[in-house]
Amino acid sequence: MRVRGTNTFNNSSALVVIDGIPDRAGGITRINPADIESISVLKDASAAIYGARAANGVILVTTKRGKVGAPEVKITSNYGLQSFTTTPDMLTGAEYMDLVNVLNVYKLPVGEWEAAHAGRGAPYTRSDNGEVVNPTFTTDRIQQTAAGNDPWLYPDTDWMKEVTTSGGAYSAPEPSSFRRYGAC
């Protein structure tokens, strides 16, 4: 945390004083927010009582003190669910392969689109220069993927279904503390 900006290449952090003890191990992150009574920020002359370590400012943290009487227990609970508002309709493996083949047809001259579509999934010989254009996915591979007989050789995994779960997500609890103050 910085109070006075960046003043040095080394440590520009403010001095954190917790209940009168400066530079306590773990700093302010070790305190449960529910246990903090007050936070004060000192800079310039008001921080001078802490010496050179206070050159970048001082953060004074006072934690709550016990009160005489019956113990008071405060419990906070939190539970939440998360779900998609909408999920896209994903293509199957075979539909994706066919679409890639169709999109590759549009790299050909416009006059050859119709002829190339007719032999969908098969090699196509261009009429202007005789070049053989092979499809990205053969008709056999598309059919094998659609059949789903060999998931190792022709996988068709619905990853949206595989990586999402139903029932929501778990929310970690807030830090809690229990203290008893007063005479025993």
Protein backbone atom coordinates (compact mmCIF):
# COMPACT_ATOMS: atom_id res chain seq x y z
CA MET A 1 0.00 0.00 0.00
CA ARG A 2 1.24 3.45 -0.82
CA VAL A 3 0.29 6.67 0.96
CA ARG A 4 2.71 9.12 -0.65
CA GLY A 5 3.19 7.61 -4.11
CA THR A 6 6.44 6.12 -5.38
CA ASN A 7 9.41 7.81 -3.71
CA THR A 8 12.16 5.26 -4.28
CA PHE A 9 13.10 2.34 -6.49
CA ASN A 10 13.14 0.05 -3.47
CA ASN A 11 10.30 0.00 -0.95
CA SER A 12 7.70 2.78 -1.26
CA SER A 13 5.21 1.08 1.04
CA ALA A 14 3.75 2.80 4.04
CA LEU A 15 4.63 1.64 7.54
CA VAL A 16 1.71 -0.44 8.88
CA VAL A 17 1.22 -0.24 12.64
CA ILE A 18 -1.27 -2.76 14.07
CA ASP A 19 -2.33 -2.12 17.66
CA GLY A 20 0.86 -0.12 18.30
CA ILE A 21 3.22 -2.75 16.85
CA PRO A 22 5.01 -1.57 13.66
CA ASP A 23 5.86 -3.94 10.81
CA ARG A 24 3.95 -6.89 12.18
CA ALA A 25 4.52 -10.12 10.22
CA GLY A 26 1.93 -10.46 7.44
CA GLY A 27 0.98 -6.78 7.61
CA ILE A 28 -2.62 -5.71 7.18
CA THR A 29 -3.46 -8.81 5.12
CA ARG A 30 -3.32 -11.03 8.21
CA ILE A 31 -6.27 -9.28 9.86
CA ASN A 32 -9.88 -10.33 9.40
CA PRO A 33 -11.75 -7.23 8.14
CA ALA A 34 -14.49 -7.88 10.74
CA ASP A 35 -11.90 -7.42 13.53
CA ILE A 36 -10.84 -3.89 12.47
CA GLU A 37 -12.23 -1.08 14.59
CA SER A 38 -10.49 1.86 12.88
CA ILE A 39 -7.85 2.77 10.32
CA SER A 40 -5.94 6.07 10.36
CA VAL A 41 -3.46 7.40 7.82
CA LEU A 42 -0.58 9.63 8.92
CA LYS A 43 1.79 11.49 6.63
CA ASP A 44 4.37 14.25 6.85
CA ALA A 45 4.99 15.67 10.35
CA SER A 46 2.30 13.61 12.08
CA ALA A 47 4.19 10.42 11.11
CA ALA A 48 7.53 11.72 12.40
CA ILE A 49 7.24 9.88 15.74
CA TYR A 50 7.92 6.64 13.83
CA GLY A 51 11.22 7.97 12.43
CA ALA A 52 12.75 7.24 9.03
CA ARG A 53 10.54 4.19 8.45
CA ALA A 54 7.57 6.57 8.24
CA ALA A 55 8.98 8.53 5.29
CA ASN A 56 6.34 6.97 3.02
CA GLY A 57 3.49 7.47 5.50
CA VAL A 58 1.98 5.41 8.30
CA ILE A 59 -1.22 3.37 8.40
CA LEU A 60 -2.50 2.88 11.95
CA VAL A 61 -4.84 -0.08 12.41
CA THR A 62 -6.75 -0.56 15.65
CA THR A 63 -8.51 -3.87 16.16
CA LYS A 64 -11.66 -4.33 18.20
CA ARG A 65 -11.30 -4.82 21.95
CA GLY A 66 -13.30 -7.07 24.19
CA LYS A 67 -16.22 -5.83 26.26
CA VAL A 68 -17.29 -6.94 29.68
CA GLY A 69 -20.36 -9.15 29.65
CA ALA A 70 -21.69 -12.13 27.79
CA PRO A 71 -19.76 -13.20 24.68
CA GLU A 72 -21.26 -12.12 21.37
CA VAL A 73 -21.06 -14.46 18.40
CA LYS A 74 -21.52 -13.09 14.90
CA ILE A 75 -22.00 -15.54 12.04
CA THR A 76 -22.03 -14.59 8.37
CA SER A 77 -23.01 -17.06 5.68
CA ASN A 78 -22.90 -16.81 1.92
CA TYR A 79 -24.19 -19.17 -0.77
CA GLY A 80 -24.43 -18.51 -4.46
CA LEU A 81 -25.19 -20.15 -7.79
CA GLN A 82 -23.83 -19.32 -11.18
CA SER A 83 -25.14 -20.39 -14.54
CA PHE A 84 -24.93 -19.28 -18.14
CA THR A 85 -27.64 -16.95 -19.36
CA THR A 86 -27.32 -18.55 -22.77
CA THR A 87 -25.02 -21.07 -24.39
CA PRO A 88 -24.23 -21.13 -28.09
CA ASP A 89 -25.40 -24.03 -30.23
CA MET A 90 -22.12 -25.74 -31.08
CA LEU A 91 -21.48 -27.72 -34.26
CA THR A 92 -20.81 -31.43 -34.11
CA GLY A 93 -17.45 -32.63 -35.38
CA ALA A 94 -18.93 -33.73 -38.71
CA GLU A 95 -20.76 -30.41 -39.20
CA TYR A 96 -17.57 -28.49 -38.47
CA MET A 97 -15.54 -30.55 -40.96
CA ASP A 98 -18.16 -30.05 -43.66
CA LEU A 99 -18.23 -26.31 -42.99
CA VAL A 100 -14.43 -26.05 -43.28
CA ASN A 101 -14.60 -27.84 -46.64
CA VAL A 102 -17.35 -25.48 -47.83
CA LEU A 103 -15.39 -22.41 -46.74
CA ASN A 104 -12.32 -23.64 -48.65
CA VAL A 105 -14.45 -23.69 -51.83
CA TYR A 106 -14.80 -19.91 -51.58
CA LYS A 107 -11.04 -19.55 -52.05
CA LEU A 108 -11.58 -20.73 -55.65
CA PRO A 109 -12.68 -18.42 -58.48
CA VAL A 110 -16.42 -17.65 -58.38
CA GLY A 111 -17.13 -19.58 -61.58
CA GLU A 112 -15.94 -22.85 -59.98
CA TRP A 113 -17.95 -22.71 -56.75
CA GLU A 114 -20.92 -24.71 -58.01
CA ALA A 115 -18.78 -27.52 -59.45
CA ALA A 116 -16.65 -27.69 -56.29
CA HIS A 117 -19.77 -27.91 -54.09
CA ALA A 118 -21.09 -30.82 -56.16
CA GLY A 119 -18.13 -33.01 -55.14
CA ARG A 120 -18.27 -32.00 -51.49
CA GLY A 121 -15.52 -33.75 -49.52
CA ALA A 122 -13.87 -35.14 -52.68
CA PRO A 123 -10.77 -33.75 -54.47
CA TYR A 124 -11.66 -31.11 -57.08
CA THR A 125 -9.75 -30.43 -60.29
CA ARG A 126 -9.77 -26.78 -61.31
CA SER A 127 -10.93 -26.18 -64.87
CA ASP A 128 -8.64 -23.21 -65.58
CA ASN A 129 -5.22 -24.73 -64.70
CA GLY A 130 -5.84 -28.42 -63.87
CA GLU A 131 -4.70 -28.04 -60.25
CA VAL A 132 -6.14 -30.67 -57.91
CA VAL A 133 -7.59 -29.07 -54.76
CA ASN A 134 -7.89 -31.55 -51.90
CA PRO A 135 -10.51 -30.92 -49.22
CA THR A 136 -9.32 -30.41 -45.65
CA PHE A 137 -11.50 -33.33 -44.51
CA THR A 138 -12.40 -36.29 -46.74
CA THR A 139 -15.97 -37.58 -47.06
CA ASP A 140 -14.92 -40.84 -45.36
CA ARG A 141 -13.46 -39.00 -42.36
CA ILE A 142 -16.60 -36.88 -42.00
CA GLN A 143 -18.82 -39.99 -42.13
CA GLN A 144 -16.66 -41.88 -39.61
CA THR A 145 -16.78 -38.92 -37.21
CA ALA A 146 -20.57 -38.66 -37.57
CA ALA A 147 -20.96 -42.40 -36.91
CA GLY A 148 -18.94 -42.15 -33.67
CA ASN A 149 -17.68 -45.74 -33.95
CA ASP A 150 -14.03 -44.93 -33.12
CA PRO A 151 -13.76 -41.98 -30.69
CA TRP A 152 -9.96 -42.26 -30.59
CA LEU A 153 -9.42 -41.99 -34.34
CA TYR A 154 -12.49 -39.86 -35.12
CA PRO A 155 -13.26 -37.82 -31.98
CA ASP A 156 -16.45 -35.81 -31.65
CA THR A 157 -16.35 -34.27 -28.17
CA ASP A 158 -18.85 -31.64 -27.05
CA TRP A 159 -16.37 -29.57 -25.06
CA MET A 160 -19.01 -27.10 -23.90
CA LYS A 161 -20.80 -29.95 -22.16
CA GLU A 162 -17.57 -31.53 -20.86
CA VAL A 163 -16.08 -28.44 -19.19
CA THR A 164 -19.23 -26.95 -17.69
CA THR A 165 -21.12 -28.36 -14.76
CA SER A 166 -24.67 -27.99 -13.63
CA GLY A 167 -25.48 -26.89 -10.12
CA GLY A 168 -23.39 -23.75 -9.90
CA ALA A 169 -20.08 -23.00 -8.28
CA TYR A 170 -18.85 -23.20 -4.71
CA SER A 171 -18.17 -19.91 -2.98
CA ALA A 172 -15.38 -19.89 -0.38
CA PRO A 173 -16.42 -18.65 3.06
CA GLU A 174 -15.32 -15.30 4.43
CA PRO A 175 -12.63 -15.31 7.13
CA SER A 176 -14.18 -15.80 10.55
CA SER A 177 -12.99 -15.26 14.07
CA PHE A 178 -14.22 -16.10 17.53
CA ARG A 179 -12.85 -14.43 20.60
CA ARG A 180 -13.87 -14.32 24.20
CA TYR A 181 -13.03 -11.22 26.15
CA GLY A 182 -13.37 -10.31 29.75
CA ALA A 183 -12.77 -12.15 33.00
CA CYS A 184 -13.15 -15.92 32.98
